[in-house]
N, C-alpha and C. Protein backbone atom coordinates (compact mmCIF):
# COMPACT_ATOMS: atom_id res chain seq x y z
N MET A 1 0.92 -1.01 0.05
CA MET A 1 0.01 0.01 -0.10
C MET A 1 0.96 1.32 -0.04
N ILE A 2 1.84 1.18 0.89
CA ILE A 2 2.71 2.50 0.84
C ILE A 2 3.50 2.62 -0.42
N LYS A 3 3.94 1.31 -1.07
CA LYS A 3 4.76 1.46 -2.18
C LYS A 3 3.89 2.23 -3.26
N SER A 4 2.73 1.75 -3.52
CA SER A 4 1.66 2.08 -4.60
C SER A 4 1.51 3.85 -4.41
N THR A 5 1.19 4.16 -2.99
CA THR A 5 1.01 5.49 -2.77
C THR A 5 2.05 6.39 -3.09
N ILE A 6 3.46 6.11 -2.92
CA ILE A 6 4.83 6.60 -3.32
C ILE A 6 4.80 6.57 -4.84
N GLU A 7 4.61 5.32 -5.56
CA GLU A 7 4.47 5.35 -7.03
C GLU A 7 3.32 6.41 -7.74
N GLU A 8 2.28 6.59 -6.95
CA GLU A 8 1.07 7.15 -7.62
C GLU A 8 1.25 8.80 -7.06
N ASN A 9 2.46 9.15 -6.26
CA ASN A 9 2.49 10.46 -5.91
C ASN A 9 1.39 10.90 -4.92
N LYS A 10 0.86 10.17 -4.05
CA LYS A 10 -0.14 10.45 -3.38
C LYS A 10 0.12 10.80 -1.75
N SER A 11 -0.66 11.36 -0.96
CA SER A 11 -0.33 11.52 0.53
C SER A 11 0.08 10.31 1.28
N LEU A 12 1.24 10.32 1.91
CA LEU A 12 1.88 9.18 2.92
C LEU A 12 0.93 9.26 4.09
N LYS A 13 0.46 10.61 4.49
CA LYS A 13 -0.43 10.68 5.68
C LYS A 13 -1.52 10.01 5.62
N LYS A 14 -2.41 10.02 4.44
CA LYS A 14 -3.55 9.29 4.43
C LYS A 14 -3.34 7.83 4.54
N THR A 15 -2.23 7.39 3.99
CA THR A 15 -1.89 5.96 3.89
C THR A 15 -1.59 5.37 5.15
N TYR A 16 -0.95 6.13 6.07
CA TYR A 16 -0.71 5.71 7.59
C TYR A 16 -1.69 5.80 8.14
N LYS A 17 -2.80 6.71 8.07
CA LYS A 17 -3.85 6.58 8.76
C LYS A 17 -4.82 5.38 8.38
N LYS A 18 -4.91 5.06 7.06
CA LYS A 18 -5.56 3.70 6.60
C LYS A 18 -5.07 2.62 7.37
N LEU A 19 -3.61 2.57 7.62
CA LEU A 19 -2.85 1.39 8.14
C LEU A 19 -3.04 1.25 9.68
N ALA A 20 -3.35 2.46 10.16
CA ALA A 20 -3.39 2.63 11.60
C ALA A 20 -4.54 1.60 12.29
N GLN A 21 -4.01 0.90 13.10
CA GLN A 21 -5.10 -0.02 13.79
C GLN A 21 -4.93 0.16 15.15
N GLY A 22 -6.25 -0.11 15.66
CA GLY A 22 -6.58 -0.13 17.34
C GLY A 22 -6.81 1.36 17.53
N GLU A 23 -6.69 1.75 18.75
CA GLU A 23 -7.11 3.02 19.36
C GLU A 23 -5.85 4.10 19.27
N GLN A 24 -6.25 5.16 18.61
CA GLN A 24 -5.26 6.18 18.49
C GLN A 24 -5.21 6.96 19.84
N LYS A 25 -3.87 7.21 20.04
CA LYS A 25 -3.75 8.01 21.47
C LYS A 25 -2.90 9.34 21.26
N ILE A 26 -3.31 10.17 21.91
CA ILE A 26 -2.66 11.47 21.94
C ILE A 26 -1.16 11.19 22.51
N THR A 27 -0.07 11.52 21.69
CA THR A 27 1.14 11.45 22.21
C THR A 27 1.97 12.45 22.97
N SER A 28 1.58 13.60 22.64
CA SER A 28 2.06 14.82 23.34
C SER A 28 1.02 15.97 23.27
N LEU A 29 0.94 16.60 24.14
CA LEU A 29 0.18 17.77 24.35
C LEU A 29 0.74 18.89 25.01
N LEU A 30 0.30 20.13 24.91
CA LEU A 30 0.90 21.48 25.57
C LEU A 30 0.34 21.56 26.80
N ASP A 31 0.87 21.92 28.05
CA ASP A 31 0.33 22.22 29.40
C ASP A 31 -0.14 23.74 29.33
N SER A 32 -0.83 24.19 30.33
CA SER A 32 -1.20 25.57 30.41
C SER A 32 -0.15 26.63 30.24
N ASN A 33 1.22 26.13 30.45
CA ASN A 33 2.22 26.87 30.38
C ASN A 33 2.95 26.93 29.09
N GLY A 34 2.60 26.10 28.21
CA GLY A 34 3.09 25.81 26.81
C GLY A 34 4.25 24.79 27.05
N GLN A 35 4.28 23.80 27.96
CA GLN A 35 5.36 23.09 28.08
C GLN A 35 4.67 21.75 27.61
N GLU A 36 5.66 20.84 26.79
CA GLU A 36 4.96 19.51 26.31
C GLU A 36 5.05 18.50 27.29
N ILE A 37 3.79 17.82 27.27
CA ILE A 37 3.53 16.71 28.11
C ILE A 37 3.37 15.46 27.27
N THR A 38 4.20 14.48 27.80
CA THR A 38 4.01 13.20 27.11
C THR A 38 3.54 11.92 27.88
N ASP A 39 3.39 12.12 29.16
CA ASP A 39 2.91 11.13 30.03
C ASP A 39 1.38 11.01 29.92
N GLN A 40 0.90 9.82 29.58
CA GLN A 40 -0.52 9.65 29.31
C GLN A 40 -1.34 10.07 30.44
N ASP A 41 -0.82 9.83 31.70
CA ASP A 41 -1.86 10.22 32.82
C ASP A 41 -1.94 11.74 33.03
N GLU A 42 -0.75 12.37 32.53
CA GLU A 42 -0.59 13.77 32.65
C GLU A 42 -1.52 14.46 31.60
N ILE A 43 -1.21 13.72 30.42
CA ILE A 43 -2.45 14.23 29.13
C ILE A 43 -3.68 14.31 29.31
N LEU A 44 -4.24 13.22 30.17
CA LEU A 44 -5.55 13.02 30.59
C LEU A 44 -5.86 14.06 31.46
N LYS A 45 -5.16 14.39 32.56
CA LYS A 45 -5.33 15.43 33.47
C LYS A 45 -5.52 16.74 32.93
N ARG A 46 -4.74 17.08 31.79
CA ARG A 46 -4.70 18.35 31.13
C ARG A 46 -5.93 18.41 30.42
N ILE A 47 -6.30 17.35 29.64
CA ILE A 47 -7.70 17.37 29.07
C ILE A 47 -8.82 17.79 29.73
N GLU A 48 -8.89 17.05 30.90
CA GLU A 48 -9.90 17.26 32.05
C GLU A 48 -9.84 18.80 32.43
N GLU A 49 -8.61 19.09 32.84
CA GLU A 49 -8.64 20.58 33.27
C GLU A 49 -9.17 21.67 32.21
N PHE A 50 -8.71 21.33 30.77
CA PHE A 50 -9.08 22.19 29.73
C PHE A 50 -10.55 22.17 29.59
N TYR A 51 -11.33 21.19 29.61
CA TYR A 51 -12.71 21.03 29.29
C TYR A 51 -13.37 21.60 30.76
N GLU A 52 -12.94 21.60 31.79
CA GLU A 52 -13.37 22.20 33.12
C GLU A 52 -13.41 23.59 32.80
N GLN A 53 -12.32 24.22 32.46
CA GLN A 53 -12.03 25.67 32.33
C GLN A 53 -13.07 26.18 31.17
N LEU A 54 -13.16 25.46 30.18
CA LEU A 54 -13.91 25.57 28.94
C LEU A 54 -15.35 25.78 29.42
N TYR A 55 -15.92 24.82 30.06
CA TYR A 55 -17.28 24.76 30.44
C TYR A 55 -17.72 25.52 31.69
N ALA A 56 -16.59 26.01 32.46
CA ALA A 56 -17.07 26.69 33.79
C ALA A 56 -17.66 27.97 33.48
N SER A 57 -18.54 28.45 34.05
CA SER A 57 -19.10 29.67 33.95
C SER A 57 -19.50 30.54 35.14
N ASP A 58 -19.12 31.62 35.32
CA ASP A 58 -19.40 32.26 36.26
C ASP A 58 -20.48 33.39 36.17
N THR A 59 -20.93 33.25 34.88
CA THR A 59 -22.03 34.32 34.38
C THR A 59 -23.35 33.95 35.08
N GLU A 60 -23.90 34.86 35.62
CA GLU A 60 -25.32 34.82 36.12
C GLU A 60 -26.35 34.62 35.16
N THR A 61 -27.24 33.81 35.26
CA THR A 61 -28.37 33.86 34.31
C THR A 61 -29.51 34.29 35.15
N ASP A 62 -30.59 34.71 34.34
CA ASP A 62 -31.63 35.25 34.84
C ASP A 62 -32.59 34.11 35.28
N GLU A 63 -32.95 34.17 36.43
CA GLU A 63 -33.90 33.10 37.10
C GLU A 63 -35.36 33.44 36.83
N PRO A 64 -36.24 32.18 36.51
CA PRO A 64 -37.58 32.57 36.04
C PRO A 64 -38.31 33.49 37.34
N GLY A 65 -39.08 34.31 36.75
CA GLY A 65 -39.89 35.06 37.58
C GLY A 65 -39.04 36.45 38.02
N GLU A 66 -37.71 36.63 37.48
CA GLU A 66 -37.15 37.67 37.60
C GLU A 66 -37.58 38.76 36.56
N PRO A 67 -37.72 40.12 36.76
CA PRO A 67 -37.93 40.92 35.75
C PRO A 67 -36.83 40.92 34.62
N GLN A 68 -37.49 40.91 33.46
CA GLN A 68 -36.49 40.81 32.15
C GLN A 68 -36.31 42.26 31.82
N GLU A 69 -35.23 42.35 31.12
CA GLU A 69 -35.04 43.81 30.46
C GLU A 69 -36.09 44.15 29.38
N GLU A 70 -36.58 45.16 29.50
CA GLU A 70 -37.54 45.60 28.47
C GLU A 70 -36.97 45.93 27.11
N ILE A 71 -37.81 45.32 26.10
CA ILE A 71 -37.29 45.37 24.68
C ILE A 71 -37.94 46.51 24.03
N PRO A 72 -37.36 47.31 23.44
CA PRO A 72 -38.01 48.54 22.80
C PRO A 72 -38.81 48.12 21.60
N ASN A 73 -40.07 48.90 21.38
CA ASN A 73 -40.54 48.62 20.19
C ASN A 73 -39.72 48.98 18.91
N VAL A 74 -39.83 48.27 17.86
CA VAL A 74 -39.05 48.43 16.53
C VAL A 74 -40.23 48.64 15.65
N THR A 75 -40.28 49.80 14.85
CA THR A 75 -41.15 49.93 13.80
C THR A 75 -40.68 49.01 12.29
N ASN A 76 -41.86 48.96 11.67
CA ASN A 76 -41.62 48.20 10.34
C ASN A 76 -40.52 49.18 9.47
N TRP A 77 -40.84 50.45 9.62
CA TRP A 77 -39.96 51.41 8.94
C TRP A 77 -38.47 51.25 9.34
N GLU A 78 -38.37 51.22 10.61
CA GLU A 78 -36.97 51.09 11.04
C GLU A 78 -36.17 49.62 10.45
N VAL A 79 -37.06 48.61 10.38
CA VAL A 79 -36.61 47.36 9.95
C VAL A 79 -36.13 47.60 8.71
N GLN A 80 -37.06 48.21 7.84
CA GLN A 80 -36.78 48.16 6.22
C GLN A 80 -35.69 49.15 5.93
N HIS A 81 -35.56 50.36 6.82
CA HIS A 81 -34.54 51.12 6.43
C HIS A 81 -33.37 50.46 6.85
N ALA A 82 -33.06 49.65 7.89
CA ALA A 82 -31.69 49.03 8.23
C ALA A 82 -31.43 47.89 7.08
N VAL A 83 -32.59 47.15 6.61
CA VAL A 83 -32.19 46.25 5.52
C VAL A 83 -31.65 46.98 4.26
N ASN A 84 -32.47 48.24 3.90
CA ASN A 84 -31.87 48.64 2.83
C ASN A 84 -30.54 49.35 2.94
N GLN A 85 -30.17 49.38 4.07
CA GLN A 85 -28.60 50.11 4.32
C GLN A 85 -27.72 48.91 3.97
N MET A 86 -28.10 47.70 4.17
CA MET A 86 -27.14 46.55 4.07
C MET A 86 -26.83 46.41 2.52
N LYS A 87 -25.71 46.02 2.36
CA LYS A 87 -25.21 45.62 0.93
C LYS A 87 -25.10 44.28 0.62
N ARG A 88 -25.49 44.10 -0.70
CA ARG A 88 -25.67 42.72 -1.16
C ARG A 88 -24.30 42.02 -1.14
N GLY A 89 -24.12 40.73 -1.24
CA GLY A 89 -23.03 39.98 -1.66
C GLY A 89 -22.11 39.86 -0.34
N LYS A 90 -22.53 40.15 0.69
CA LYS A 90 -21.71 39.79 1.94
C LYS A 90 -21.96 38.58 2.44
N SER A 91 -20.96 38.35 3.30
CA SER A 91 -21.08 36.97 4.13
C SER A 91 -22.36 36.96 5.11
N PRO A 92 -22.85 35.83 5.14
CA PRO A 92 -24.00 35.80 6.50
C PRO A 92 -23.44 35.97 7.94
N GLY A 93 -24.39 36.30 8.67
CA GLY A 93 -23.77 36.35 10.26
C GLY A 93 -23.95 35.08 10.65
N PRO A 94 -23.94 35.08 11.93
CA PRO A 94 -24.27 33.87 12.91
C PRO A 94 -25.33 33.08 12.53
N ASP A 95 -26.51 33.49 12.08
CA ASP A 95 -27.66 33.02 11.57
C ASP A 95 -27.60 32.23 10.18
N ASN A 96 -26.58 32.44 9.47
CA ASN A 96 -26.26 31.89 8.23
C ASN A 96 -27.23 32.39 6.97
N VAL A 97 -28.06 33.58 7.26
CA VAL A 97 -28.91 33.86 6.38
C VAL A 97 -28.32 35.23 5.63
N LEU A 98 -28.14 35.06 4.39
CA LEU A 98 -27.78 36.23 3.57
C LEU A 98 -28.53 37.25 3.38
N ILE A 99 -27.94 38.79 3.21
CA ILE A 99 -28.79 39.81 3.16
C ILE A 99 -29.59 39.58 1.92
N ASP A 100 -28.93 39.08 0.92
CA ASP A 100 -29.65 38.86 -0.46
C ASP A 100 -31.06 38.18 -0.46
N THR A 101 -31.12 36.98 0.59
CA THR A 101 -32.02 36.56 0.82
C THR A 101 -33.28 37.13 1.41
N ILE A 102 -32.66 38.05 2.49
CA ILE A 102 -33.89 39.02 3.30
C ILE A 102 -34.27 39.93 2.31
N LYS A 103 -33.57 40.74 1.49
CA LYS A 103 -34.11 41.67 0.38
C LYS A 103 -34.91 41.16 -0.60
N GLU A 104 -34.55 39.78 -0.99
CA GLU A 104 -35.46 39.22 -2.03
C GLU A 104 -36.79 38.89 -1.39
N GLY A 105 -37.04 38.73 -0.15
CA GLY A 105 -38.26 38.24 0.50
C GLY A 105 -39.31 39.41 0.42
N GLY A 106 -38.84 40.74 0.30
CA GLY A 106 -39.90 41.79 0.09
C GLY A 106 -40.32 42.21 1.36
N THR A 107 -41.25 43.06 1.45
CA THR A 107 -41.78 43.59 2.61
C THR A 107 -43.23 43.03 2.89
N SER A 108 -43.42 42.70 4.14
CA SER A 108 -44.79 42.35 4.84
C SER A 108 -44.99 42.92 5.98
């Protein structure tokens, strides 16, 4: 398999992945100070630490029953004006909706 990969001038990396058997392990990882860790137990501890920090949240959330911030009224004219100000052909925002699609939708 390796010989044919070399002869066909293809990626050896993909071939090695195809040949890999069993469980693949992380062999090295950087700790929070940027130092390389190679011990499997230390690697597991670092992964656990990373995800604890990633998902730790000290942000307070609104409890049910608490007064919510009042949302101001937005008129149809304000929305239409904002949409008209936007340029076509731009990348979508986090909602993945293109402004072109919104403009083609018309008014309602």
